[in-house]
Amino acid sequence: MKSRLSPSFVLAAAVALLLLAAARAEEAVTKIKFSDSAKPGTVKIVLARGDLRIRGDDTTEVTVKSEAKPVTKTTRKDGLRVLTASSSFALSEKDNVITLDALSDGWVGNASDFQIIVPRTTTVNVANSFGGDITCGGITGDVEIKSLNGEVTLTDLTGGALVDTMNGEIHASVVALHDGKPLSFTSMNGEVVLRVPPDAKANVRLRTQNGSILTDFDEKALVTKTEAVGRTPRAQPAHRSSGSDSDDDFHTAVHEVVQAGIEAAREVADAAREAAQAARAAADAARRDGTSVPPMPPIIAMPPMPPMTGGKLVYGTLNGGGPEVSVTTMNGDVTLRQLEAKK
């Protein structure tokens, strides 16, 4: 017996598809050029919250795609200019630096996702205040990313990289390492996986406080030493076996530091969400009542990374040594893997 879809289900599915198509149609595409396209430019991105995807391509301009509306001096077809919207961003260029500012709306603006295409040689600088996943690929310029909450994924990189996230995993694939282009990846709470070519040369420092350090490089290619960091063993009575109570105390202290850091990140994120919801509700109520919109609370600053006060450190050379590579997490595994060749 063949099952038949009810007319109401078909209608609901059709409406959902139409709404999805309409939502996609509302995404604005904005393009901007560097003042000197013959030289590598820099793109600086500041976000309040939302996912971000950056892709390098063979182009001379920067393309921004988002449902957020660009604030611009250009007049629309209906003769109006967008000064601000429920979610908006400002895009500007000066001295070969393009800045995308999606933070100026602060608490009032809604979360906005962005898809950005840049020339491959672009240097990318990202600051994400409250949270969102970030992906970046195909860039030969340097990449710097600082985020509060969310996963960071980097692919096909050949430049230097500096990535810090308070609460999220980091996955990075580097196709080539170069002298003078160090790599640094740090997470407070989340595993970090770094993939490099089998023949890559590097000086490596791999560290975790609460997790394992893993690799699929053989011991001839990756020559390392391991040591405990920041640990001062206490004197113990002769009748007590070494490494019993002091080990427990040490691991307990590390666990407490990790948990404190995790809670700090969560508290900041929760405070940001609550303040944003309260601010939007107050602004909506003021508009309905015809009264003045109350001032917005200040943006909460991202707390600094807690100090790394323990754990295991693995350091050494990969294929004889080369550029500096540092991978650190407080809570999670650190994995250095061989990058598989593309088929």
Protein backbone atom coordinates (compact mmCIF):
# COMPACT_ATOMS: atom_id res chain seq x y z
CA MET A 1 0.00 0.00 0.00
CA LYS A 2 1.49 3.28 -1.09
CA SER A 3 1.59 6.10 1.43
CA ARG A 4 0.14 9.41 0.29
CA LEU A 5 1.15 12.83 1.51
CA SER A 6 -1.68 14.87 2.91
CA PRO A 7 -2.52 18.14 1.13
CA SER A 8 -1.80 20.08 4.33
CA PHE A 9 1.72 18.61 4.54
CA VAL A 10 2.42 19.44 0.90
CA LEU A 11 1.15 22.97 1.42
CA ALA A 12 3.27 23.43 4.55
CA ALA A 13 6.36 22.18 2.73
CA ALA A 14 5.71 24.53 -0.18
CA VAL A 15 5.29 27.49 2.17
CA ALA A 16 8.51 26.58 3.97
CA LEU A 17 10.39 26.46 0.67
CA LEU A 18 8.97 29.83 -0.36
CA LEU A 19 9.96 31.38 2.96
CA LEU A 20 13.47 29.92 2.66
CA ALA A 21 13.80 31.27 -0.86
CA ALA A 22 12.57 34.67 0.29
CA ALA A 23 15.05 34.70 3.18
CA ARG A 24 17.88 33.90 0.81
CA ALA A 25 16.69 36.55 -1.60
CA GLU A 26 16.95 39.12 1.20
CA GLU A 27 20.66 38.51 1.61
CA ALA A 28 22.52 41.58 0.42
CA VAL A 29 25.73 41.35 -1.61
CA THR A 30 28.15 44.24 -1.10
CA LYS A 31 31.46 44.66 -2.91
CA ILE A 32 34.38 46.93 -2.10
CA LYS A 33 37.87 47.35 -3.59
CA PHE A 34 41.25 48.06 -2.08
CA SER A 35 42.70 51.44 -2.91
CA ASP A 36 45.83 49.69 -4.27
CA SER A 37 44.82 46.30 -5.63
CA ALA A 38 48.39 45.65 -6.81
CA LYS A 39 49.48 45.21 -3.17
CA PRO A 40 48.20 42.70 -0.61
CA GLY A 41 45.47 44.28 1.51
CA THR A 42 44.13 43.72 5.01
CA VAL A 43 40.56 42.93 6.03
CA LYS A 44 39.56 43.67 9.64
CA ILE A 45 36.29 42.20 10.90
CA VAL A 46 34.60 42.93 14.22
CA LEU A 47 31.42 41.03 15.10
CA ALA A 48 29.05 40.98 18.04
CA ARG A 49 27.70 37.49 17.41
CA GLY A 50 27.10 35.32 14.40
CA ASP A 51 28.84 32.80 12.18
CA LEU A 52 31.55 33.94 9.80
CA ARG A 53 32.87 32.24 6.66
CA ILE A 54 35.88 33.67 4.84
CA ARG A 55 37.21 32.28 1.58
CA GLY A 56 40.20 33.31 -0.48
CA ASP A 57 39.70 33.47 -4.23
CA ASP A 58 41.27 34.77 -7.42
CA THR A 59 39.71 38.20 -7.22
CA THR A 60 40.77 41.81 -6.70
CA GLU A 61 37.83 42.91 -4.55
CA VAL A 62 36.11 41.92 -1.33
CA THR A 63 32.57 40.55 -1.48
CA VAL A 64 30.33 40.51 1.60
CA LYS A 65 27.11 38.51 1.67
CA SER A 66 24.75 38.81 4.65
CA GLU A 67 21.15 39.33 5.68
CA ALA A 68 22.40 42.34 7.64
CA LYS A 69 21.98 45.63 5.79
CA PRO A 70 25.02 47.72 4.90
CA VAL A 71 25.05 51.27 6.21
CA THR A 72 26.10 53.31 3.21
CA LYS A 73 26.02 56.78 1.70
CA THR A 74 24.73 55.29 -1.53
CA THR A 75 21.06 55.98 -2.19
CA ARG A 76 18.77 53.03 -2.76
CA LYS A 77 16.52 52.75 -5.81
CA ASP A 78 13.65 54.24 -3.80
CA GLY A 79 15.76 57.30 -2.93
CA LEU A 80 16.44 56.30 0.69
CA ARG A 81 19.71 55.62 2.48
CA VAL A 82 20.12 52.93 5.17
CA LEU A 83 21.38 54.61 8.35
CA THR A 84 20.70 51.63 10.58
CA ALA A 85 18.57 48.47 10.58
CA SER A 86 17.60 45.59 12.87
CA SER A 87 21.00 44.19 11.97
CA SER A 88 23.48 46.23 10.02
CA PHE A 89 27.15 46.67 9.33
CA ALA A 90 29.52 49.33 8.08
CA LEU A 91 32.06 48.66 5.35
CA SER A 92 34.91 51.08 4.71
CA GLU A 93 38.36 51.24 3.13
CA LYS A 94 41.41 53.35 3.95
CA ASP A 95 45.10 52.87 3.17
CA ASN A 96 44.47 49.41 1.69
CA VAL A 97 42.67 48.26 4.83
CA ILE A 98 39.02 47.24 4.53
CA THR A 99 37.05 47.26 7.80
CA LEU A 100 33.77 45.42 8.32
CA ASP A 101 32.16 46.70 11.52
CA ALA A 102 29.17 44.66 12.67
CA LEU A 103 29.63 45.67 16.32
CA SER A 104 28.53 49.30 16.23
CA ASP A 105 24.88 48.37 16.87
CA GLY A 106 26.01 46.71 20.09
CA TRP A 107 23.20 45.14 22.08
CA VAL A 108 20.41 46.33 19.77
CA GLY A 109 21.58 44.53 16.63
CA ASN A 110 20.52 40.97 15.95
CA ALA A 111 22.98 38.16 15.35
CA SER A 112 24.25 38.30 11.78
CA ASP A 113 26.03 35.69 9.69
CA PHE A 114 28.54 36.75 7.05
CA GLN A 115 30.07 35.11 3.99
CA ILE A 116 33.13 36.99 2.75
CA ILE A 117 35.29 36.41 -0.32
CA VAL A 118 38.72 38.07 -0.35
CA PRO A 119 41.80 38.00 -2.56
CA ARG A 120 44.02 35.08 -1.58
CA THR A 121 46.91 37.30 -0.47
CA THR A 122 44.75 39.22 2.01
CA THR A 123 45.72 39.48 5.67
CA VAL A 124 42.65 38.69 7.80
CA ASN A 125 42.01 40.00 11.33
CA VAL A 126 38.84 38.84 13.14
CA ALA A 127 37.45 39.73 16.58
CA ASN A 128 34.20 38.03 17.61
CA SER A 129 32.93 39.42 20.91
CA PHE A 130 30.19 37.02 22.03
CA GLY A 131 30.20 33.92 19.90
CA GLY A 132 29.81 32.17 16.58
CA ASP A 133 31.64 29.62 14.47
CA ILE A 134 34.41 30.91 12.21
CA THR A 135 35.76 29.22 9.09
CA CYS A 136 38.56 30.58 6.94
CA GLY A 137 40.21 28.94 3.95
CA GLY A 138 42.34 29.53 0.90
CA ILE A 139 44.30 32.44 2.40
CA THR A 140 48.03 32.96 1.75
CA GLY A 141 48.17 36.06 3.94
CA ASP A 142 48.40 36.03 7.73
CA VAL A 143 45.31 35.19 9.80
CA GLU A 144 44.53 36.45 13.31
CA ILE A 145 41.32 35.35 15.06
CA LYS A 146 40.12 36.05 18.59
CA SER A 147 36.78 34.63 19.69
CA LEU A 148 34.83 34.12 22.90
CA ASN A 149 32.66 31.10 22.03
CA GLY A 150 32.59 28.97 18.91
CA GLU A 151 34.60 26.59 16.77
CA VAL A 152 37.38 27.89 14.54
CA THR A 153 38.19 25.99 11.35
CA LEU A 154 41.09 26.95 9.08
CA THR A 155 41.84 25.22 5.78
CA ASP A 156 44.50 25.48 3.08
CA LEU A 157 46.57 28.10 4.89
CA THR A 158 50.11 29.05 3.90
CA GLY A 159 50.69 32.21 5.95
CA GLY A 160 51.16 32.84 9.64
CA ALA A 161 48.28 32.25 12.06
CA LEU A 162 47.36 33.42 15.56
CA VAL A 163 44.11 31.94 16.89
CA ASP A 164 42.71 32.36 20.42
CA THR A 165 39.29 31.12 21.53
CA MET A 166 37.95 30.97 25.06
CA ASN A 167 35.45 28.17 24.53
CA GLY A 168 35.60 26.09 21.37
CA GLU A 169 37.53 23.62 19.28
CA ILE A 170 40.19 24.63 16.76
CA HIS A 171 40.84 22.64 13.58
CA ALA A 172 43.56 23.91 11.27
CA SER A 173 45.04 22.54 8.05
CA VAL A 174 48.22 24.21 6.82
CA VAL A 175 49.48 23.31 3.36
CA ALA A 176 52.88 25.01 3.72
CA LEU A 177 55.03 26.45 6.51
CA HIS A 178 57.40 29.36 5.86
CA ASP A 179 60.22 30.96 7.82
CA GLY A 180 59.07 34.08 9.66
CA LYS A 181 55.46 32.83 9.63
CA PRO A 182 54.81 31.28 13.08
CA LEU A 183 51.65 29.40 13.95
CA SER A 184 49.92 29.71 17.33
CA PHE A 185 46.62 28.10 18.36
CA THR A 186 45.19 28.45 21.87
CA SER A 187 41.87 27.30 23.34
CA MET A 188 40.80 27.42 26.95
CA ASN A 189 38.14 24.74 26.59
CA GLY A 190 38.27 22.53 23.53
CA GLU A 191 40.50 20.20 21.59
CA VAL A 192 42.97 21.55 19.04
CA VAL A 193 43.83 19.58 15.91
CA LEU A 194 46.59 20.79 13.59
CA ARG A 195 47.35 19.15 10.25
CA VAL A 196 50.60 19.88 8.41
CA PRO A 197 52.29 18.23 5.40
CA PRO A 198 54.32 15.08 6.19
CA ASP A 199 57.54 16.82 5.08
CA ALA A 200 56.88 20.08 6.96
CA LYS A 201 59.78 21.43 9.02
CA ALA A 202 58.98 23.10 12.35
CA ASN A 203 59.93 23.69 15.96
CA VAL A 204 56.90 22.52 17.92
CA ARG A 205 55.47 23.22 21.39
CA LEU A 206 52.37 21.20 22.27
CA ARG A 207 50.72 21.68 25.64
CA THR A 208 47.56 20.66 27.50
CA GLN A 209 46.51 20.89 31.12
CA ASN A 210 43.72 18.34 31.06
CA GLY A 211 43.99 16.04 28.06
CA SER A 212 46.35 14.04 25.86
CA ILE A 213 48.95 15.08 23.30
CA LEU A 214 48.72 12.89 20.20
CA THR A 215 50.41 12.55 16.82
CA ASP A 216 50.63 10.24 13.82
CA PHE A 217 54.18 11.37 12.93
CA ASP A 218 56.76 8.68 13.66
CA GLU A 219 59.48 9.25 16.24
CA LYS A 220 62.15 9.78 13.58
CA ALA A 221 60.28 12.70 12.00
CA LEU A 222 58.96 14.23 15.24
CA VAL A 223 61.72 14.24 17.86
CA THR A 224 60.36 15.47 21.20
CA LYS A 225 60.85 15.75 24.93
CA THR A 226 58.09 15.85 27.51
CA GLU A 227 58.05 17.72 30.80
CA ALA A 228 55.59 18.79 33.49
CA VAL A 229 55.07 22.55 33.60
CA GLY A 230 54.65 24.81 36.61
CA ARG A 231 54.71 21.99 39.14
CA THR A 232 56.66 22.14 42.40
CA PRO A 233 56.39 18.80 44.25
CA ARG A 234 56.09 19.08 48.00
CA ALA A 235 58.31 17.13 50.40
CA GLN A 236 56.63 13.90 51.46
CA PRO A 237 57.08 11.66 54.48
CA ALA A 238 59.34 8.67 53.93
CA HIS A 239 56.47 6.21 54.49
CA ARG A 240 54.32 7.83 51.78
CA SER A 241 54.79 6.65 48.21
CA SER A 242 55.91 9.45 45.89
CA GLY A 243 53.25 10.82 43.54
CA SER A 244 50.14 9.86 45.52
CA ASP A 245 48.59 12.75 47.43
CA SER A 246 50.68 15.43 45.72
CA ASP A 247 49.55 14.16 42.30
CA ASP A 248 45.94 14.28 43.44
CA ASP A 249 46.39 17.84 44.76
CA PHE A 250 48.02 18.96 41.54
CA HIS A 251 45.35 17.52 39.25
CA THR A 252 42.64 18.92 41.53
CA ALA A 253 44.21 22.39 41.29
CA VAL A 254 44.45 22.14 37.49
CA HIS A 255 40.83 21.01 37.28
CA GLU A 256 39.73 23.94 39.43
CA VAL A 257 41.61 26.43 37.22
CA VAL A 258 40.06 24.93 34.09
CA GLN A 259 36.56 24.96 35.56
CA ALA A 260 36.98 28.56 36.73
CA GLY A 261 37.98 29.60 33.24
CA ILE A 262 35.08 27.74 31.65
CA GLU A 263 32.62 29.31 34.07
CA ALA A 264 34.07 32.77 33.37
CA ALA A 265 33.48 32.33 29.63
CA ARG A 266 29.96 31.03 30.22
CA GLU A 267 29.12 33.88 32.56
CA VAL A 268 30.26 36.44 30.01
CA ALA A 269 28.23 34.76 27.28
CA ASP A 270 25.13 34.49 29.50
CA ALA A 271 25.46 38.12 30.60
CA ALA A 272 25.79 39.18 26.98
CA ARG A 273 22.63 37.31 25.96
CA GLU A 274 20.61 38.56 28.92
CA ALA A 275 21.71 42.16 28.47
CA ALA A 276 21.01 41.99 24.73
CA GLN A 277 17.50 40.62 25.31
CA ALA A 278 16.75 43.22 28.02
CA ALA A 279 18.08 46.06 25.88
CA ARG A 280 16.05 45.04 22.84
CA ALA A 281 12.90 44.61 24.95
CA ALA A 282 13.37 48.05 26.53
CA ALA A 283 14.01 49.66 23.15
CA ASP A 284 10.91 48.02 21.64
CA ALA A 285 8.76 49.12 24.59
CA ALA A 286 10.05 52.69 24.34
CA ARG A 287 9.24 52.84 20.64
CA ARG A 288 5.71 51.54 21.23
CA ASP A 289 5.11 54.06 24.01
CA GLY A 290 6.61 56.92 22.05
CA THR A 291 9.23 57.60 24.74
CA SER A 292 12.96 58.00 24.32
CA VAL A 293 14.96 54.83 23.85
CA PRO A 294 17.04 54.10 26.98
CA PRO A 295 20.83 54.08 26.65
CA MET A 296 22.38 50.76 25.81
CA PRO A 297 24.65 49.04 28.35
CA PRO A 298 28.33 48.87 27.43
CA ILE A 299 29.72 45.90 25.60
CA ILE A 300 31.19 43.39 28.04
CA ALA A 301 34.89 42.91 27.41
CA MET A 302 36.13 39.40 26.73
CA PRO A 303 37.93 38.10 29.83
CA PRO A 304 41.64 37.40 29.43
CA MET A 305 42.89 33.87 29.04
CA PRO A 306 43.64 32.33 32.46
CA PRO A 307 47.36 31.73 33.00
CA MET A 308 48.67 28.34 31.97
CA THR A 309 49.86 27.00 35.34
CA GLY A 310 50.45 23.33 34.75
CA GLY A 311 50.00 20.35 32.51
CA LYS A 312 52.32 18.55 30.15
CA LEU A 313 54.52 20.21 27.55
CA VAL A 314 55.86 18.37 24.53
CA TYR A 315 58.50 20.23 22.58
CA GLY A 316 60.98 19.37 19.87
CA THR A 317 61.55 19.41 16.12
CA LEU A 318 59.61 18.16 13.14
CA ASN A 319 61.77 17.02 10.22
CA GLY A 320 64.79 18.82 11.63
CA GLY A 321 63.12 22.06 12.74
CA GLY A 322 61.83 25.24 11.14
CA PRO A 323 59.15 27.89 11.86
CA GLU A 324 57.70 28.05 15.37
CA VAL A 325 54.46 26.11 15.90
CA SER A 326 52.61 26.38 19.23
CA VAL A 327 49.41 24.53 20.17
CA THR A 328 47.89 24.95 23.64
CA THR A 329 44.65 24.06 25.37
CA MET A 330 43.61 24.00 29.01
CA ASN A 331 40.89 21.38 28.66
CA GLY A 332 41.09 18.97 25.74
CA ASP A 333 43.42 16.97 23.54
CA VAL A 334 46.15 18.41 21.33
CA THR A 335 46.69 16.50 18.10
CA LEU A 336 49.40 17.03 15.46
CA ARG A 337 48.51 15.07 12.33
CA GLN A 338 49.87 14.58 8.85
CA LEU A 339 47.92 16.43 6.19
CA GLU A 340 46.55 14.03 3.64
CA ALA A 341 47.34 14.78 0.02
CA LYS A 342 44.36 15.90 -2.03
CA LYS A 343 43.21 13.37 -4.59
